[in-house]
Full PDB file with SEQRES, HELIX, SHEET, SSBOND, CRYST1, ORIGX, SCALE, CONECT and MASTER records, all heavy atoms in Angstrom:
SEQRES   1 A   42  SER SER THR TYR LYS ASP CYS LYS VAL TRP PRO GLY GLY          
SEQRES   2 A   42  SER ARG THR TRP ASP TRP ARG GLU THR GLY THR GLU HIS          
SEQRES   3 A   42  HIS PRO GLY VAL GLN PRO ALA ASP VAL GLN GLU VAL LEU          
SEQRES   4 A   42  ASP LYS GLY                                                  
HELIX    1 AA1 TRP A   19  GLU A   21  5                                   3    
HELIX    2 AA2 PRO A   32  ASP A   40  1                                   9    
SHEET    1 AA1 2 CYS A   7  TRP A  10  0                                        
SHEET    2 AA1 2 GLY A  13  THR A  16 -1                                        
CRYST1    1.000    1.000    1.000  90.00  90.00  90.00 P 1           1          
ORIGX1      1.000000  0.000000  0.000000        0.00000                         
ORIGX2      0.000000  1.000000  0.000000        0.00000                         
ORIGX3      0.000000  0.000000  1.000000        0.00000                         
SCALE1      1.000000  0.000000  0.000000        0.00000                         
SCALE2      0.000000  1.000000  0.000000        0.00000                         
SCALE3      0.000000  0.000000  1.000000        0.00000                         
ATOM      1  N   SER A   1      -9.005 -13.853  -0.325  1.00  0.00           N  
ATOM      2  CA  SER A   1      -9.177 -14.674  -1.463  1.00  0.00           C  
ATOM      3  C   SER A   1      -8.374 -14.231  -2.696  1.00  0.00           C  
ATOM      4  O   SER A   1      -8.304 -14.920  -3.696  1.00  0.00           O  
ATOM      5  CB  SER A   1     -10.624 -14.740  -1.827  1.00  0.00           C  
ATOM      6  OG  SER A   1     -11.232 -13.472  -2.054  1.00  0.00           O  
ATOM      7  N   SER A   2      -7.866 -12.983  -2.584  1.00  0.00           N  
ATOM      8  CA  SER A   2      -7.059 -12.443  -3.730  1.00  0.00           C  
ATOM      9  C   SER A   2      -5.645 -12.833  -3.670  1.00  0.00           C  
ATOM     10  O   SER A   2      -5.089 -13.103  -2.635  1.00  0.00           O  
ATOM     11  CB  SER A   2      -7.143 -10.928  -3.690  1.00  0.00           C  
ATOM     12  OG  SER A   2      -8.382 -10.431  -3.727  1.00  0.00           O  
ATOM     13  N   THR A   3      -5.013 -12.973  -4.858  1.00  0.00           N  
ATOM     14  CA  THR A   3      -3.566 -13.014  -4.927  1.00  0.00           C  
ATOM     15  C   THR A   3      -3.074 -11.637  -5.289  1.00  0.00           C  
ATOM     16  O   THR A   3      -3.616 -10.975  -6.169  1.00  0.00           O  
ATOM     17  CB  THR A   3      -3.169 -13.996  -6.012  1.00  0.00           C  
ATOM     18  OG1 THR A   3      -3.704 -15.294  -5.693  1.00  0.00           O  
ATOM     19  CG2 THR A   3      -1.676 -14.116  -6.094  1.00  0.00           C  
ATOM     20  N   TYR A   4      -2.032 -11.126  -4.573  1.00  0.00           N  
ATOM     21  CA  TYR A   4      -1.514  -9.795  -4.822  1.00  0.00           C  
ATOM     22  C   TYR A   4      -0.190  -9.777  -5.605  1.00  0.00           C  
ATOM     23  O   TYR A   4       0.608 -10.729  -5.441  1.00  0.00           O  
ATOM     24  CB  TYR A   4      -1.255  -9.123  -3.439  1.00  0.00           C  
ATOM     25  CG  TYR A   4      -2.475  -9.034  -2.509  1.00  0.00           C  
ATOM     26  CD1 TYR A   4      -2.458  -9.639  -1.326  1.00  0.00           C  
ATOM     27  CD2 TYR A   4      -3.580  -8.352  -2.895  1.00  0.00           C  
ATOM     28  CE1 TYR A   4      -3.569  -9.565  -0.417  1.00  0.00           C  
ATOM     29  CE2 TYR A   4      -4.727  -8.223  -2.061  1.00  0.00           C  
ATOM     30  CZ  TYR A   4      -4.644  -8.792  -0.799  1.00  0.00           C  
ATOM     31  OH  TYR A   4      -5.712  -8.675   0.006  1.00  0.00           O  
ATOM     32  N   LYS A   5      -0.022  -8.782  -6.349  1.00  0.00           N  
ATOM     33  CA  LYS A   5       1.323  -8.514  -6.921  1.00  0.00           C  
ATOM     34  C   LYS A   5       2.114  -7.706  -5.873  1.00  0.00           C  
ATOM     35  O   LYS A   5       3.134  -8.070  -5.431  1.00  0.00           O  
ATOM     36  CB  LYS A   5       1.214  -7.799  -8.242  1.00  0.00           C  
ATOM     37  CG  LYS A   5       2.587  -7.435  -8.863  1.00  0.00           C  
ATOM     38  CD  LYS A   5       2.383  -6.776 -10.203  1.00  0.00           C  
ATOM     39  CE  LYS A   5       3.634  -6.071 -10.715  1.00  0.00           C  
ATOM     40  NZ  LYS A   5       3.838  -4.764 -10.080  1.00  0.00           N  
ATOM     41  N   ASP A   6       1.438  -6.534  -5.521  1.00  0.00           N  
ATOM     42  CA  ASP A   6       2.022  -5.730  -4.416  1.00  0.00           C  
ATOM     43  C   ASP A   6       0.924  -5.620  -3.468  1.00  0.00           C  
ATOM     44  O   ASP A   6      -0.245  -5.539  -3.821  1.00  0.00           O  
ATOM     45  CB  ASP A   6       2.396  -4.312  -5.004  1.00  0.00           C  
ATOM     46  CG  ASP A   6       3.454  -4.352  -6.051  1.00  0.00           C  
ATOM     47  OD1 ASP A   6       4.436  -5.147  -5.882  1.00  0.00           O  
ATOM     48  OD2 ASP A   6       3.351  -3.670  -7.059  1.00  0.00           O  
ATOM     49  N   CYS A   7       1.241  -5.616  -2.110  1.00  0.00           N  
ATOM     50  CA  CYS A   7       0.139  -5.576  -1.129  1.00  0.00           C  
ATOM     51  C   CYS A   7       0.450  -4.746   0.084  1.00  0.00           C  
ATOM     52  O   CYS A   7       1.647  -4.502   0.384  1.00  0.00           O  
ATOM     53  CB  CYS A   7      -0.305  -6.944  -0.766  1.00  0.00           C  
ATOM     54  SG  CYS A   7       0.811  -7.919   0.225  1.00  0.00           S  
ATOM     55  N   LYS A   8      -0.583  -4.315   0.688  1.00  0.00           N  
ATOM     56  CA  LYS A   8      -0.530  -3.613   2.026  1.00  0.00           C  
ATOM     57  C   LYS A   8      -1.195  -4.592   2.982  1.00  0.00           C  
ATOM     58  O   LYS A   8      -2.228  -5.157   2.641  1.00  0.00           O  
ATOM     59  CB  LYS A   8      -1.301  -2.340   1.959  1.00  0.00           C  
ATOM     60  CG  LYS A   8      -0.849  -1.329   1.020  1.00  0.00           C  
ATOM     61  CD  LYS A   8      -1.757   0.020   1.158  1.00  0.00           C  
ATOM     62  CE  LYS A   8      -1.226   1.030   0.159  1.00  0.00           C  
ATOM     63  NZ  LYS A   8      -1.888   2.321   0.478  1.00  0.00           N  
ATOM     64  N   VAL A   9      -0.601  -4.788   4.182  1.00  0.00           N  
ATOM     65  CA  VAL A   9      -1.203  -5.562   5.236  1.00  0.00           C  
ATOM     66  C   VAL A   9      -1.126  -4.790   6.556  1.00  0.00           C  
ATOM     67  O   VAL A   9      -0.240  -3.928   6.750  1.00  0.00           O  
ATOM     68  CB  VAL A   9      -0.499  -6.914   5.439  1.00  0.00           C  
ATOM     69  CG1 VAL A   9      -0.808  -7.825   4.196  1.00  0.00           C  
ATOM     70  CG2 VAL A   9       1.017  -6.735   5.567  1.00  0.00           C  
ATOM     71  N   TRP A  10      -2.215  -5.018   7.377  1.00  0.00           N  
ATOM     72  CA  TRP A  10      -2.244  -4.325   8.669  1.00  0.00           C  
ATOM     73  C   TRP A  10      -3.030  -5.212   9.596  1.00  0.00           C  
ATOM     74  O   TRP A  10      -3.583  -6.184   9.268  1.00  0.00           O  
ATOM     75  CB  TRP A  10      -3.021  -2.971   8.423  1.00  0.00           C  
ATOM     76  CG  TRP A  10      -4.412  -3.143   7.835  1.00  0.00           C  
ATOM     77  CD1 TRP A  10      -5.525  -3.452   8.505  1.00  0.00           C  
ATOM     78  CD2 TRP A  10      -4.749  -3.027   6.477  1.00  0.00           C  
ATOM     79  NE1 TRP A  10      -6.567  -3.602   7.615  1.00  0.00           N  
ATOM     80  CE2 TRP A  10      -6.144  -3.301   6.408  1.00  0.00           C  
ATOM     81  CE3 TRP A  10      -4.042  -2.754   5.243  1.00  0.00           C  
ATOM     82  CZ2 TRP A  10      -6.790  -3.330   5.175  1.00  0.00           C  
ATOM     83  CZ3 TRP A  10      -4.727  -2.780   4.139  1.00  0.00           C  
ATOM     84  CH2 TRP A  10      -6.105  -2.985   4.082  1.00  0.00           C  
ATOM     85  N   PRO A  11      -3.001  -4.790  10.860  1.00  0.00           N  
ATOM     86  CA  PRO A  11      -3.773  -5.524  11.945  1.00  0.00           C  
ATOM     87  C   PRO A  11      -5.276  -5.644  11.417  1.00  0.00           C  
ATOM     88  O   PRO A  11      -5.909  -4.649  11.337  1.00  0.00           O  
ATOM     89  CB  PRO A  11      -3.642  -4.725  13.215  1.00  0.00           C  
ATOM     90  CG  PRO A  11      -2.342  -3.978  13.035  1.00  0.00           C  
ATOM     91  CD  PRO A  11      -2.275  -3.639  11.502  1.00  0.00           C  
ATOM     92  N   GLY A  12      -5.683  -6.849  11.040  1.00  0.00           N  
ATOM     93  CA  GLY A  12      -7.078  -7.012  10.640  1.00  0.00           C  
ATOM     94  C   GLY A  12      -7.389  -7.154   9.172  1.00  0.00           C  
ATOM     95  O   GLY A  12      -8.512  -7.322   8.773  1.00  0.00           O  
ATOM     96  N   GLY A  13      -6.351  -6.937   8.329  1.00  0.00           N  
ATOM     97  CA  GLY A  13      -6.635  -6.986   6.861  1.00  0.00           C  
ATOM     98  C   GLY A  13      -5.542  -6.817   5.911  1.00  0.00           C  
ATOM     99  O   GLY A  13      -4.371  -6.614   6.333  1.00  0.00           O  
ATOM    100  N   SER A  14      -5.880  -6.758   4.688  1.00  0.00           N  
ATOM    101  CA  SER A  14      -4.897  -6.595   3.577  1.00  0.00           C  
ATOM    102  C   SER A  14      -5.677  -6.157   2.347  1.00  0.00           C  
ATOM    103  O   SER A  14      -6.909  -6.322   2.214  1.00  0.00           O  
ATOM    104  CB  SER A  14      -4.139  -7.879   3.304  1.00  0.00           C  
ATOM    105  OG  SER A  14      -5.027  -8.922   2.776  1.00  0.00           O  
ATOM    106  N   ARG A  15      -4.905  -5.537   1.400  1.00  0.00           N  
ATOM    107  CA  ARG A  15      -5.455  -5.229   0.145  1.00  0.00           C  
ATOM    108  C   ARG A  15      -4.336  -5.044  -0.829  1.00  0.00           C  
ATOM    109  O   ARG A  15      -3.125  -4.978  -0.457  1.00  0.00           O  
ATOM    110  CB  ARG A  15      -6.405  -4.003   0.187  1.00  0.00           C  
ATOM    111  CG  ARG A  15      -5.660  -2.653   0.218  1.00  0.00           C  
ATOM    112  CD  ARG A  15      -6.733  -1.527   0.117  1.00  0.00           C  
ATOM    113  NE  ARG A  15      -6.145  -0.186   0.150  1.00  0.00           N  
ATOM    114  CZ  ARG A  15      -5.799   0.490  -0.896  1.00  0.00           C  
ATOM    115  NH1 ARG A  15      -5.908  -0.032  -2.173  1.00  0.00           N  
ATOM    116  NH2 ARG A  15      -5.324   1.717  -0.782  1.00  0.00           N  
ATOM    117  N   THR A  16      -4.693  -4.918  -2.176  1.00  0.00           N  
ATOM    118  CA  THR A  16      -3.624  -4.719  -3.147  1.00  0.00           C  
ATOM    119  C   THR A  16      -3.092  -3.350  -2.994  1.00  0.00           C  
ATOM    120  O   THR A  16      -3.729  -2.398  -2.482  1.00  0.00           O  
ATOM    121  CB  THR A  16      -4.213  -4.896  -4.555  1.00  0.00           C  
ATOM    122  OG1 THR A  16      -3.168  -5.022  -5.496  1.00  0.00           O  
ATOM    123  CG2 THR A  16      -5.183  -3.768  -5.005  1.00  0.00           C  
ATOM    124  N   TRP A  17      -1.770  -3.173  -3.221  1.00  0.00           N  
ATOM    125  CA  TRP A  17      -1.098  -1.922  -3.197  1.00  0.00           C  
ATOM    126  C   TRP A  17      -1.015  -1.420  -4.664  1.00  0.00           C  
ATOM    127  O   TRP A  17      -0.178  -1.938  -5.396  1.00  0.00           O  
ATOM    128  CB  TRP A  17       0.259  -2.042  -2.544  1.00  0.00           C  
ATOM    129  CG  TRP A  17       1.087  -0.803  -2.530  1.00  0.00           C  
ATOM    130  CD1 TRP A  17       0.671   0.487  -2.670  1.00  0.00           C  
ATOM    131  CD2 TRP A  17       2.503  -0.693  -2.291  1.00  0.00           C  
ATOM    132  NE1 TRP A  17       1.681   1.347  -2.568  1.00  0.00           N  
ATOM    133  CE2 TRP A  17       2.873   0.610  -2.312  1.00  0.00           C  
ATOM    134  CE3 TRP A  17       3.486  -1.686  -1.971  1.00  0.00           C  
ATOM    135  CZ2 TRP A  17       4.161   1.052  -2.087  1.00  0.00           C  
ATOM    136  CZ3 TRP A  17       4.774  -1.224  -1.821  1.00  0.00           C  
ATOM    137  CH2 TRP A  17       5.137   0.061  -1.833  1.00  0.00           C  
ATOM    138  N   ASP A  18      -1.900  -0.534  -5.070  1.00  0.00           N  
ATOM    139  CA  ASP A  18      -1.980  -0.019  -6.388  1.00  0.00           C  
ATOM    140  C   ASP A  18      -1.197   1.296  -6.453  1.00  0.00           C  
ATOM    141  O   ASP A  18      -1.626   2.332  -5.943  1.00  0.00           O  
ATOM    142  CB  ASP A  18      -3.491   0.234  -6.731  1.00  0.00           C  
ATOM    143  CG  ASP A  18      -3.586   0.730  -8.228  1.00  0.00           C  
ATOM    144  OD1 ASP A  18      -2.545   1.022  -8.823  1.00  0.00           O  
ATOM    145  OD2 ASP A  18      -4.699   0.821  -8.660  1.00  0.00           O  
ATOM    146  N   TRP A  19      -0.050   1.267  -7.034  1.00  0.00           N  
ATOM    147  CA  TRP A  19       0.849   2.442  -7.145  1.00  0.00           C  
ATOM    148  C   TRP A  19       0.168   3.582  -7.842  1.00  0.00           C  
ATOM    149  O   TRP A  19       0.507   4.748  -7.614  1.00  0.00           O  
ATOM    150  CB  TRP A  19       2.167   2.060  -7.861  1.00  0.00           C  
ATOM    151  CG  TRP A  19       2.995   1.155  -7.081  1.00  0.00           C  
ATOM    152  CD1 TRP A  19       2.673   0.327  -6.040  1.00  0.00           C  
ATOM    153  CD2 TRP A  19       4.409   0.904  -7.285  1.00  0.00           C  
ATOM    154  NE1 TRP A  19       3.799  -0.351  -5.595  1.00  0.00           N  
ATOM    155  CE2 TRP A  19       4.847  -0.050  -6.403  1.00  0.00           C  
ATOM    156  CE3 TRP A  19       5.340   1.370  -8.339  1.00  0.00           C  
ATOM    157  CZ2 TRP A  19       6.127  -0.559  -6.342  1.00  0.00           C  
ATOM    158  CZ3 TRP A  19       6.632   0.844  -8.230  1.00  0.00           C  
ATOM    159  CH2 TRP A  19       7.024  -0.032  -7.293  1.00  0.00           C  
ATOM    160  N   ARG A  20      -0.808   3.356  -8.664  1.00  0.00           N  
ATOM    161  CA  ARG A  20      -1.463   4.400  -9.388  1.00  0.00           C  
ATOM    162  C   ARG A  20      -2.219   5.384  -8.495  1.00  0.00           C  
ATOM    163  O   ARG A  20      -2.452   6.478  -8.831  1.00  0.00           O  
ATOM    164  CB  ARG A  20      -2.431   3.794 -10.465  1.00  0.00           C  
ATOM    165  CG  ARG A  20      -1.588   3.144 -11.700  1.00  0.00           C  
ATOM    166  CD  ARG A  20      -2.539   2.392 -12.576  1.00  0.00           C  
ATOM    167  NE  ARG A  20      -3.253   1.328 -11.778  1.00  0.00           N  
ATOM    168  CZ  ARG A  20      -3.847   0.335 -12.403  1.00  0.00           C  
ATOM    169  NH1 ARG A  20      -3.937   0.260 -13.714  1.00  0.00           N  
ATOM    170  NH2 ARG A  20      -4.491  -0.587 -11.740  1.00  0.00           N  
ATOM    171  N   GLU A  21      -2.656   4.838  -7.338  1.00  0.00           N  
ATOM    172  CA  GLU A  21      -3.407   5.611  -6.350  1.00  0.00           C  
ATOM    173  C   GLU A  21      -2.586   6.866  -5.988  1.00  0.00           C  
ATOM    174  O   GLU A  21      -3.203   7.993  -5.697  1.00  0.00           O  
ATOM    175  CB  GLU A  21      -3.795   4.808  -5.213  1.00  0.00           C  
ATOM    176  CG  GLU A  21      -4.829   3.811  -5.450  1.00  0.00           C  
ATOM    177  CD  GLU A  21      -5.069   2.877  -4.217  1.00  0.00           C  
ATOM    178  OE1 GLU A  21      -4.625   3.173  -3.138  1.00  0.00           O  
ATOM    179  OE2 GLU A  21      -5.789   1.889  -4.366  1.00  0.00           O  
ATOM    180  N   THR A  22      -1.336   6.670  -5.874  1.00  0.00           N  
ATOM    181  CA  THR A  22      -0.547   7.762  -5.308  1.00  0.00           C  
ATOM    182  C   THR A  22       0.612   8.268  -6.342  1.00  0.00           C  
ATOM    183  O   THR A  22       1.447   9.106  -5.984  1.00  0.00           O  
ATOM    184  CB  THR A  22       0.256   7.278  -3.972  1.00  0.00           C  
ATOM    185  OG1 THR A  22       0.839   6.065  -4.300  1.00  0.00           O  
ATOM    186  CG2 THR A  22      -0.751   7.076  -2.884  1.00  0.00           C  
ATOM    187  N   GLY A  23       0.609   7.599  -7.476  1.00  0.00           N  
ATOM    188  CA  GLY A  23       1.586   8.014  -8.517  1.00  0.00           C  
ATOM    189  C   GLY A  23       2.999   7.498  -8.119  1.00  0.00           C  
ATOM    190  O   GLY A  23       3.999   8.088  -8.518  1.00  0.00           O  
ATOM    191  N   THR A  24       3.109   6.443  -7.343  1.00  0.00           N  
ATOM    192  CA  THR A  24       4.364   5.886  -6.945  1.00  0.00           C  
ATOM    193  C   THR A  24       5.104   5.208  -8.068  1.00  0.00           C  
ATOM    194  O   THR A  24       4.490   4.632  -8.894  1.00  0.00           O  
ATOM    195  CB  THR A  24       4.073   4.863  -5.757  1.00  0.00           C  
ATOM    196  OG1 THR A  24       3.640   5.624  -4.680  1.00  0.00           O  
ATOM    197  CG2 THR A  24       5.417   4.155  -5.380  1.00  0.00           C  
ATOM    198  N   GLU A  25       6.408   5.449  -8.114  1.00  0.00           N  
ATOM    199  CA  GLU A  25       7.239   4.760  -9.037  1.00  0.00           C  
ATOM    200  C   GLU A  25       8.515   4.301  -8.274  1.00  0.00           C  
ATOM    201  O   GLU A  25       8.725   4.667  -7.147  1.00  0.00           O  
ATOM    202  CB  GLU A  25       7.700   5.747 -10.185  1.00  0.00           C  
ATOM    203  CG  GLU A  25       6.471   6.105 -10.999  1.00  0.00           C  
ATOM    204  CD  GLU A  25       6.831   7.094 -12.101  1.00  0.00           C  
ATOM    205  OE1 GLU A  25       7.909   7.690 -12.111  1.00  0.00           O  
ATOM    206  OE2 GLU A  25       5.922   7.338 -13.000  1.00  0.00           O  
ATOM    207  N   HIS A  26       9.327   3.471  -8.912  1.00  0.00           N  
ATOM    208  CA  HIS A  26      10.537   2.908  -8.236  1.00  0.00           C  
ATOM    209  C   HIS A  26      11.401   4.054  -7.723  1.00  0.00           C  
ATOM    210  O   HIS A  26      12.021   3.936  -6.662  1.00  0.00           O  
ATOM    211  CB  HIS A  26      11.355   2.045  -9.209  1.00  0.00           C  
ATOM    212  CG  HIS A  26      10.738   0.744  -9.478  1.00  0.00           C  
ATOM    213  ND1 HIS A  26       9.886   0.482 -10.564  1.00  0.00           N  
ATOM    214  CD2 HIS A  26      10.696  -0.417  -8.736  1.00  0.00           C  
ATOM    215  CE1 HIS A  26       9.432  -0.782 -10.567  1.00  0.00           C  
ATOM    216  NE2 HIS A  26       9.879  -1.315  -9.473  1.00  0.00           N  
ATOM    217  N   HIS A  27      11.487   5.139  -8.483  1.00  0.00           N  
ATOM    218  CA  HIS A  27      12.214   6.394  -8.002  1.00  0.00           C  
ATOM    219  C   HIS A  27      11.204   7.532  -8.087  1.00  0.00           C  
ATOM    220  O   HIS A  27      10.602   7.671  -9.120  1.00  0.00           O  
ATOM    221  CB  HIS A  27      13.349   6.654  -8.947  1.00  0.00           C  
ATOM    222  CG  HIS A  27      14.435   5.566  -9.071  1.00  0.00           C  
ATOM    223  ND1 HIS A  27      15.500   5.477  -8.230  1.00  0.00           N  
ATOM    224  CD2 HIS A  27      14.490   4.501  -9.939  1.00  0.00           C  
ATOM    225  CE1 HIS A  27      16.138   4.359  -8.564  1.00  0.00           C  
ATOM    226  NE2 HIS A  27      15.589   3.806  -9.533  1.00  0.00           N  
ATOM    227  N   PRO A  28      11.103   8.336  -7.059  1.00  0.00           N  
ATOM    228  CA  PRO A  28      11.862   8.307  -5.757  1.00  0.00           C  
ATOM    229  C   PRO A  28      11.400   7.183  -4.875  1.00  0.00           C  
ATOM    230  O   PRO A  28      12.095   6.911  -3.861  1.00  0.00           O  
ATOM    231  CB  PRO A  28      11.591   9.667  -5.136  1.00  0.00           C  
ATOM    232  CG  PRO A  28      10.234  10.086  -5.673  1.00  0.00           C  
ATOM    233  CD  PRO A  28      10.152   9.470  -7.089  1.00  0.00           C  
ATOM    234  N   GLY A  29      10.248   6.523  -5.113  1.00  0.00           N  
ATOM    235  CA  GLY A  29       9.893   5.360  -4.338  1.00  0.00           C  
ATOM    236  C   GLY A  29       8.729   5.639  -3.456  1.00  0.00           C  
ATOM    237  O   GLY A  29       7.802   6.298  -3.729  1.00  0.00           O  
ATOM    238  N   VAL A  30       8.698   4.842  -2.325  1.00  0.00           N  
ATOM    239  CA  VAL A  30       7.593   4.758  -1.392  1.00  0.00           C  
ATOM    240  C   VAL A  30       7.367   6.207  -0.753  1.00  0.00           C  
ATOM    241  O   VAL A  30       8.258   6.780  -0.201  1.00  0.00           O  
ATOM    242  CB  VAL A  30       7.806   3.706  -0.277  1.00  0.00           C  
ATOM    243  CG1 VAL A  30       6.642   3.649   0.708  1.00  0.00           C  
ATOM    244  CG2 VAL A  30       8.159   2.346  -0.884  1.00  0.00           C  
ATOM    245  N   GLN A  31       6.105   6.642  -0.891  1.00  0.00           N  
ATOM    246  CA  GLN A  31       5.718   7.959  -0.390  1.00  0.00           C  
ATOM    247  C   GLN A  31       5.018   7.750   0.944  1.00  0.00           C  
ATOM    248  O   GLN A  31       4.346   6.698   1.186  1.00  0.00           O  
ATOM    249  CB  GLN A  31       4.877   8.652  -1.373  1.00  0.00           C  
ATOM    250  CG  GLN A  31       5.438   8.779  -2.704  1.00  0.00           C  
ATOM    251  CD  GLN A  31       4.409   9.321  -3.699  1.00  0.00           C  
ATOM    252  OE1 GLN A  31       4.132  10.527  -3.658  1.00  0.00           O  
ATOM    253  NE2 GLN A  31       3.870   8.472  -4.510  1.00  0.00           N  
ATOM    254  N   PRO A  32       4.972   8.796   1.782  1.00  0.00           N  
ATOM    255  CA  PRO A  32       4.136   8.754   3.028  1.00  0.00           C  
ATOM    256  C   PRO A  32       2.643   8.366   2.700  1.00  0.00           C  
ATOM    257  O   PRO A  32       2.104   7.568   3.438  1.00  0.00           O  
ATOM    258  CB  PRO A  32       4.198  10.186   3.558  1.00  0.00           C  
ATOM    259  CG  PRO A  32       5.567  10.702   3.137  1.00  0.00           C  
ATOM    260  CD  PRO A  32       5.717  10.123   1.738  1.00  0.00           C  
ATOM    261  N   ALA A  33       2.113   8.851   1.574  1.00  0.00           N  
ATOM    262  CA  ALA A  33       0.774   8.450   1.192  1.00  0.00           C  
ATOM    263  C   ALA A  33       0.574   6.952   1.018  1.00  0.00           C  
ATOM    264  O   ALA A  33      -0.532   6.418   1.233  1.00  0.00           O  
ATOM    265  CB  ALA A  33       0.338   9.144  -0.083  1.00  0.00           C  
ATOM    266  N   ASP A  34       1.680   6.220   0.652  1.00  0.00           N  
ATOM    267  CA  ASP A  34       1.576   4.782   0.365  1.00  0.00           C  
ATOM    268  C   ASP A  34       1.370   4.029   1.725  1.00  0.00           C  
ATOM    269  O   ASP A  34       0.801   2.970   1.676  1.00  0.00           O  
ATOM    270  CB  ASP A  34       2.855   4.239  -0.313  1.00  0.00           C  
ATOM    271  CG  ASP A  34       2.919   4.775  -1.695  1.00  0.00           C  
ATOM    272  OD1 ASP A  34       1.882   4.674  -2.451  1.00  0.00           O  
ATOM    273  OD2 ASP A  34       4.022   5.286  -2.153  1.00  0.00           O  
ATOM    274  N   VAL A  35       1.942   4.548   2.795  1.00  0.00           N  
ATOM    275  CA  VAL A  35       1.939   3.831   4.073  1.00  0.00           C  
ATOM    276  C   VAL A  35       0.940   4.442   5.073  1.00  0.00           C  
ATOM    277  O   VAL A  35       0.586   3.789   6.079  1.00  0.00           O  
ATOM    278  CB  VAL A  35       3.374   3.873   4.701  1.00  0.00           C  
ATOM    279  CG1 VAL A  35       4.310   3.155   3.759  1.00  0.00           C  
ATOM    280  CG2 VAL A  35       3.795   5.266   5.045  1.00  0.00           C  
ATOM    281  N   GLN A  36       0.346   5.609   4.731  1.00  0.00           N  
ATOM    282  CA  GLN A  36      -0.602   6.213   5.670  1.00  0.00           C  
ATOM    283  C   GLN A  36      -1.794   5.277   6.060  1.00  0.00           C  
ATOM    284  O   GLN A  36      -2.070   5.231   7.294  1.00  0.00           O  
ATOM    285  CB  GLN A  36      -1.223   7.469   4.878  1.00  0.00           C  
ATOM    286  CG  GLN A  36      -2.105   8.316   5.740  1.00  0.00           C  
ATOM    287  CD  GLN A  36      -1.293   9.050   6.785  1.00  0.00           C  
ATOM    288  OE1 GLN A  36      -0.277   9.639   6.550  1.00  0.00           O  
ATOM    289  NE2 GLN A  36      -1.740   8.981   8.030  1.00  0.00           N  
ATOM    290  N   GLU A  37      -2.366   4.619   5.070  1.00  0.00           N  
ATOM    291  CA  GLU A  37      -3.498   3.745   5.396  1.00  0.00           C  
ATOM    292  C   GLU A  37      -3.103   2.680   6.436  1.00  0.00           C  
ATOM    293  O   GLU A  37      -3.899   2.346   7.334  1.00  0.00           O  
ATOM    294  CB  GLU A  37      -3.905   3.048   4.133  1.00  0.00           C  
ATOM    295  CG  GLU A  37      -5.044   2.088   4.240  1.00  0.00           C  
ATOM    296  CD  GLU A  37      -5.502   1.429   2.940  1.00  0.00           C  
ATOM    297  OE1 GLU A  37      -4.717   1.554   1.927  1.00  0.00           O  
ATOM    298  OE2 GLU A  37      -6.589   0.879   2.926  1.00  0.00           O  
ATOM    299  N   VAL A  38      -1.896   2.101   6.254  1.00  0.00           N  
ATOM    300  CA  VAL A  38      -1.432   0.995   7.216  1.00  0.00           C  
ATOM    301  C   VAL A  38      -1.252   1.538   8.615  1.00  0.00           C  
ATOM    302  O   VAL A  38      -1.636   0.934   9.608  1.00  0.00           O  
ATOM    303  CB  VAL A  38      -0.142   0.373   6.618  1.00  0.00           C  
ATOM    304  CG1 VAL A  38       0.386  -0.612   7.652  1.00  0.00           C  
ATOM    305  CG2 VAL A  38      -0.401  -0.233   5.277  1.00  0.00           C  
ATOM    306  N   LEU A  39      -0.793   2.794   8.635  1.00  0.00           N  
ATOM    307  CA  LEU A  39      -0.551   3.461   9.973  1.00  0.00           C  
ATOM    308  C   LEU A  39      -1.892   3.768  10.582  1.00  0.00           C  
ATOM    309  O   LEU A  39      -2.083   3.571  11.798  1.00  0.00           O  
ATOM    310  CB  LEU A  39       0.300   4.694   9.834  1.00  0.00           C  
ATOM    311  CG  LEU A  39       1.692   4.516   9.235  1.00  0.00           C  
ATOM    312  CD1 LEU A  39       2.469   5.828   9.145  1.00  0.00           C  
ATOM    313  CD2 LEU A  39       2.522   3.484   9.946  1.00  0.00           C  
ATOM    314  N   ASP A  40      -2.786   4.337   9.763  1.00  0.00           N  
ATOM    315  CA  ASP A  40      -4.140   4.625  10.211  1.00  0.00           C  
ATOM    316  C   ASP A  40      -4.841   3.462  10.881  1.00  0.00           C  
ATOM    317  O   ASP A  40      -5.767   3.545  11.684  1.00  0.00           O  
ATOM    318  CB  ASP A  40      -4.981   5.313   9.144  1.00  0.00           C  
ATOM    319  CG  ASP A  40      -4.473   6.707   8.805  1.00  0.00           C  
ATOM    320  OD1 ASP A  40      -3.633   7.257   9.580  1.00  0.00           O  
ATOM    321  OD2 ASP A  40      -4.887   7.214   7.764  1.00  0.00           O  
ATOM    322  N   LYS A  41      -4.563   2.270  10.348  1.00  0.00           N  
ATOM    323  CA  LYS A  41      -5.218   1.001  10.812  1.00  0.00           C  
ATOM    324  C   LYS A  41      -4.511   0.407  12.010  1.00  0.00           C  
ATOM    325  O   LYS A  41      -4.831  -0.665  12.411  1.00  0.00           O  
ATOM    326  CB  LYS A  41      -5.252  -0.039   9.707  1.00  0.00           C  
ATOM    327  CG  LYS A  41      -6.194   0.532   8.579  1.00  0.00           C  
ATOM    328  CD  LYS A  41      -6.675  -0.532   7.653  1.00  0.00           C  
ATOM    329  CE  LYS A  41      -7.494   0.051   6.421  1.00  0.00           C  
ATOM    330  NZ  LYS A  41      -8.906   0.014   6.666  1.00  0.00           N  
ATOM    331  N   GLY A  42      -3.567   1.213  12.635  1.00  0.00           N  
ATOM    332  CA  GLY A  42      -3.072   0.833  13.911  1.00  0.00           C  
ATOM    333  C   GLY A  42      -1.734   0.100  14.016  1.00  0.00           C  
ATOM    334  O   GLY A  42      -1.324  -0.433  15.055  1.00  0.00           O  
TER     335      GLY A  42                                                      
MASTER        0    0    0    2    2    0    0    6  334    1    0    4          
END                                                                             
């Protein structure tokens, strides 16, 4: 029911991708921690 600015999606769901959770910025960019959740969900 949410509209996302940035999002994570995986088999069975989705949520907002909040860069503040991992301290992500455009440089150096996407960190393993940003994608870990998606991989853990299969």
